[in-house]
Structure formats: structure tokens, C-alpha cells
N, C-alpha and C. Protein backbone atom coordinates (compact mmCIF):
# COMPACT_ATOMS: atom_id res chain seq x y z
N MET A 1 0.81 -1.14 -0.02
CA MET A 1 0.02 -0.03 0.05
C MET A 1 0.91 1.22 0.04
N LYS A 2 0.55 2.14 -0.87
CA LYS A 2 1.41 3.34 -0.92
C LYS A 2 1.21 4.39 0.33
N LYS A 3 2.28 4.96 0.63
CA LYS A 3 2.12 5.87 1.75
C LYS A 3 0.90 6.73 1.77
N GLU A 4 0.72 7.40 0.61
CA GLU A 4 -0.49 8.41 0.41
C GLU A 4 -1.72 7.69 0.65
N ASP A 5 -1.98 6.51 0.15
CA ASP A 5 -3.08 5.83 0.32
C ASP A 5 -3.41 5.33 1.83
N THR A 6 -2.26 4.94 2.27
CA THR A 6 -2.41 4.54 3.76
C THR A 6 -2.92 5.74 4.44
N ILE A 7 -2.21 6.96 4.35
CA ILE A 7 -2.61 8.25 5.11
C ILE A 7 -4.05 8.65 4.85
N GLU A 8 -4.40 8.47 3.65
CA GLU A 8 -5.79 8.83 3.27
C GLU A 8 -6.89 7.81 3.86
N LYS A 9 -6.59 6.69 4.02
CA LYS A 9 -7.32 5.57 4.67
C LYS A 9 -7.44 5.74 6.12
N LEU A 10 -6.40 6.06 6.74
CA LEU A 10 -6.43 6.55 8.19
C LEU A 10 -7.18 7.70 8.46
N LYS A 11 -6.93 8.70 7.54
CA LYS A 11 -7.71 10.07 7.82
C LYS A 11 -9.20 9.74 7.74
N ARG A 12 -9.66 8.92 6.76
CA ARG A 12 -11.04 8.59 6.59
C ARG A 12 -11.64 7.92 7.70
N GLN A 13 -10.73 6.89 8.39
CA GLN A 13 -11.37 6.32 9.64
C GLN A 13 -11.49 7.36 10.79
N ILE A 14 -10.55 8.21 10.79
CA ILE A 14 -10.68 9.23 11.84
C ILE A 14 -11.94 10.16 11.64
N GLN A 15 -12.20 10.53 10.45
CA GLN A 15 -13.35 11.26 9.93
C GLN A 15 -14.55 10.57 10.49
N LEU A 16 -14.70 9.21 10.11
CA LEU A 16 -15.76 8.33 10.31
C LEU A 16 -16.07 8.25 11.90
N ILE A 17 -15.23 8.15 12.74
CA ILE A 17 -15.43 8.04 14.13
C ILE A 17 -15.80 9.24 14.65
N ASP A 18 -15.34 10.37 14.02
CA ASP A 18 -15.48 11.64 14.62
C ASP A 18 -17.09 12.18 14.23
N ASN A 19 -17.36 11.57 13.05
CA ASN A 19 -18.79 11.83 12.43
C ASN A 19 -19.82 10.94 13.42
N LEU A 20 -19.45 9.79 13.82
CA LEU A 20 -20.29 8.90 14.74
C LEU A 20 -20.83 9.53 15.97
N LYS A 21 -19.95 10.46 16.36
CA LYS A 21 -20.30 11.14 17.72
C LYS A 21 -21.56 12.11 17.48
N TYR A 22 -21.84 12.53 16.22
CA TYR A 22 -22.72 13.49 15.83
C TYR A 22 -24.04 12.86 15.42
N ILE A 23 -24.21 11.57 15.30
CA ILE A 23 -25.30 10.83 14.77
C ILE A 23 -26.58 11.44 15.30
N ILE A 24 -27.59 11.69 14.59
CA ILE A 24 -28.82 12.32 15.14
C ILE A 24 -29.21 11.83 16.54
N PRO A 25 -29.38 12.85 17.58
CA PRO A 25 -29.78 12.44 18.80
C PRO A 25 -31.06 11.77 18.82
N GLY A 26 -31.13 10.81 19.67
CA GLY A 26 -32.39 9.88 19.63
C GLY A 26 -32.25 8.65 18.92
N THR A 27 -31.15 8.69 18.02
CA THR A 27 -30.88 7.36 17.36
C THR A 27 -30.68 6.19 18.43
N GLN A 28 -31.12 5.12 18.11
CA GLN A 28 -31.18 3.98 19.04
C GLN A 28 -29.77 3.41 19.43
N TYR A 29 -29.52 3.45 20.51
CA TYR A 29 -28.16 2.79 21.07
C TYR A 29 -27.75 1.57 20.07
N ARG A 30 -28.53 0.65 19.95
CA ARG A 30 -28.04 -0.52 19.13
C ARG A 30 -27.37 -0.15 17.94
N GLU A 31 -28.33 0.78 17.17
CA GLU A 31 -27.86 1.38 15.85
C GLU A 31 -26.48 2.06 15.96
N LYS A 32 -26.31 2.83 16.90
CA LYS A 32 -24.98 3.42 17.00
C LYS A 32 -23.96 2.34 17.36
N GLU A 33 -24.24 1.43 18.14
CA GLU A 33 -23.25 0.34 18.60
C GLU A 33 -22.99 -0.45 17.30
N LYS A 34 -23.86 -0.82 16.31
CA LYS A 34 -23.62 -1.47 15.16
C LYS A 34 -22.69 -0.56 14.40
N LEU A 35 -22.84 0.59 14.23
CA LEU A 35 -21.95 1.58 13.43
C LEU A 35 -20.59 1.49 13.94
N PHE A 36 -20.64 1.55 15.27
CA PHE A 36 -19.16 1.73 15.94
C PHE A 36 -18.46 0.38 15.79
N ILE A 37 -18.99 -0.80 15.90
CA ILE A 37 -18.49 -2.17 15.82
C ILE A 37 -17.93 -2.21 14.47
N LYS A 38 -18.70 -1.78 13.42
CA LYS A 38 -18.27 -1.89 12.01
C LYS A 38 -16.86 -0.99 11.77
N TRP A 39 -16.96 0.16 12.38
CA TRP A 39 -15.81 1.03 12.16
C TRP A 39 -14.58 0.48 12.98
N LYS A 40 -14.93 -0.18 14.05
CA LYS A 40 -13.66 -0.62 14.91
C LYS A 40 -13.17 -1.81 14.13
N ARG A 41 -13.99 -2.74 13.55
CA ARG A 41 -13.46 -3.77 12.72
C ARG A 41 -12.66 -3.40 11.51
N ASP A 42 -13.30 -2.42 10.83
CA ASP A 42 -12.59 -1.97 9.68
C ASP A 42 -11.21 -1.27 9.86
N THR A 43 -11.16 -0.55 11.05
CA THR A 43 -9.92 0.16 11.60
C THR A 43 -8.97 -1.03 11.97
N GLU A 44 -9.41 -1.91 12.74
CA GLU A 44 -8.51 -2.89 13.10
C GLU A 44 -7.79 -3.62 11.83
N ILE A 45 -8.63 -3.97 10.95
CA ILE A 45 -8.05 -4.62 9.60
C ILE A 45 -7.11 -3.62 8.93
N LEU A 46 -7.37 -2.39 8.72
CA LEU A 46 -6.46 -1.47 8.11
C LEU A 46 -5.26 -1.24 9.00
N ILE A 47 -5.21 -1.28 10.27
CA ILE A 47 -4.03 -1.31 11.05
C ILE A 47 -3.25 -2.50 10.86
N GLU A 48 -3.84 -3.62 10.77
CA GLU A 48 -3.21 -4.81 10.47
C GLU A 48 -2.57 -4.83 9.24
N GLN A 49 -3.16 -4.27 8.15
CA GLN A 49 -2.55 -4.18 6.92
C GLN A 49 -1.44 -3.42 6.75
N ILE A 50 -1.43 -2.17 7.54
CA ILE A 50 -0.30 -1.26 7.51
C ILE A 50 0.72 -1.66 8.27
N PHE A 51 0.69 -2.34 9.51
CA PHE A 51 1.79 -2.84 10.30
C PHE A 51 1.57 -4.45 10.39
N GLU A 52 1.74 -5.01 11.42
CA GLU A 52 1.78 -6.49 11.43
C GLU A 52 0.52 -6.83 12.27
N LYS A 53 -0.14 -7.98 12.12
CA LYS A 53 -1.31 -8.45 12.96
C LYS A 53 -0.97 -8.37 14.35
N ASP A 54 0.07 -8.82 14.81
CA ASP A 54 0.41 -8.87 16.22
C ASP A 54 1.19 -7.63 16.67
N SER A 55 1.15 -6.48 16.05
CA SER A 55 2.08 -5.36 16.43
C SER A 55 1.59 -4.65 17.63
N ARG A 56 2.17 -3.89 18.26
CA ARG A 56 1.83 -3.09 19.35
C ARG A 56 0.85 -2.20 18.92
N HIS A 57 0.68 -1.74 17.68
CA HIS A 57 -0.16 -0.77 17.22
C HIS A 57 -1.66 -1.28 17.35
N ILE A 58 -1.78 -2.46 17.02
CA ILE A 58 -3.08 -3.03 17.06
C ILE A 58 -3.56 -3.31 18.63
N GLU A 59 -2.57 -3.68 19.47
CA GLU A 59 -2.90 -3.88 20.79
C GLU A 59 -3.21 -2.54 21.52
N GLU A 60 -2.54 -1.52 21.19
CA GLU A 60 -2.88 -0.10 21.69
C GLU A 60 -4.16 0.31 21.19
N PHE A 61 -4.49 0.07 19.99
CA PHE A 61 -5.92 0.40 19.39
C PHE A 61 -6.85 -0.33 20.22
N LYS A 62 -6.85 -1.53 20.46
CA LYS A 62 -7.70 -2.30 21.12
C LYS A 62 -7.81 -1.97 22.67
N ASN A 63 -6.67 -1.57 23.15
CA ASN A 63 -6.88 -0.99 24.52
C ASN A 63 -7.65 0.42 24.61
N ILE A 64 -7.44 1.23 23.70
CA ILE A 64 -8.23 2.45 23.56
C ILE A 64 -9.63 2.23 23.23
N PHE A 65 -9.90 1.41 22.56
CA PHE A 65 -11.29 1.29 21.92
C PHE A 65 -11.88 0.09 22.40
N GLY A 66 -11.50 -0.52 23.58
CA GLY A 66 -12.15 -1.82 24.20
C GLY A 66 -13.38 -2.19 23.51
N SER A 67 -14.47 -2.29 24.22
CA SER A 67 -15.75 -2.86 23.50
C SER A 67 -16.67 -1.78 23.06
N THR A 68 -16.60 -0.64 23.74
CA THR A 68 -17.56 0.53 23.07
C THR A 68 -16.77 1.77 23.09
N ALA A 69 -17.38 2.80 22.45
CA ALA A 69 -16.52 4.04 22.38
C ALA A 69 -17.10 5.00 23.61
N PRO A 70 -16.21 5.78 23.94
CA PRO A 70 -16.62 6.62 25.26
C PRO A 70 -17.86 7.53 24.93
N PHE A 71 -18.20 7.79 23.77
CA PHE A 71 -19.35 8.61 23.24
C PHE A 71 -20.59 7.99 23.21
N MET A 72 -20.54 6.56 23.40
CA MET A 72 -21.68 5.76 23.21
C MET A 72 -22.51 5.67 24.36
N GLU A 73 -23.57 6.60 24.63
CA GLU A 73 -24.35 6.53 25.92
C GLU A 73 -25.65 5.85 25.59
N LYS A 74 -26.13 5.35 26.59
CA LYS A 74 -27.50 4.67 26.31
C LYS A 74 -28.49 5.66 26.53
């Protein structure tokens, strides 16, 4: 993967999670959770493609984004 492509893909994931915070108030928690889980999975795969599957980068990502995002309130 080219450096420029990698940077663009990472920027896109950052933008997606940032946008997820502003999903229409009142949206069902489960719907937000589904979107977050998809974002997390896609981002983990991207990090694994950029670095190695067992790299510290993926471990740090998992530590930060455990099971739910901090902005996900019921």
C-alpha cells in the first residue's frame, strides 16, 4: 500500500469515528453500537494491513477502543 493511500485511509477512519459522535440524537443505542463495531473492525483490519497483525499498534488500538466508544451513551 502506498504511503499516500495509507494516510488517506487512516484519515477517513478518523473522520468516520468523529462523525459517529454526531449521529442524530435519539438514534437507537443499538444502531450506534452497530456502526461503531463496523468502524472498529474496519480500522483494526486497516492497522493490521499497515503494520503487522500482532504489532503493538493493534494492541494499543484495542486498549483504547475496548468494547464501546466513550461517546456511546444509552
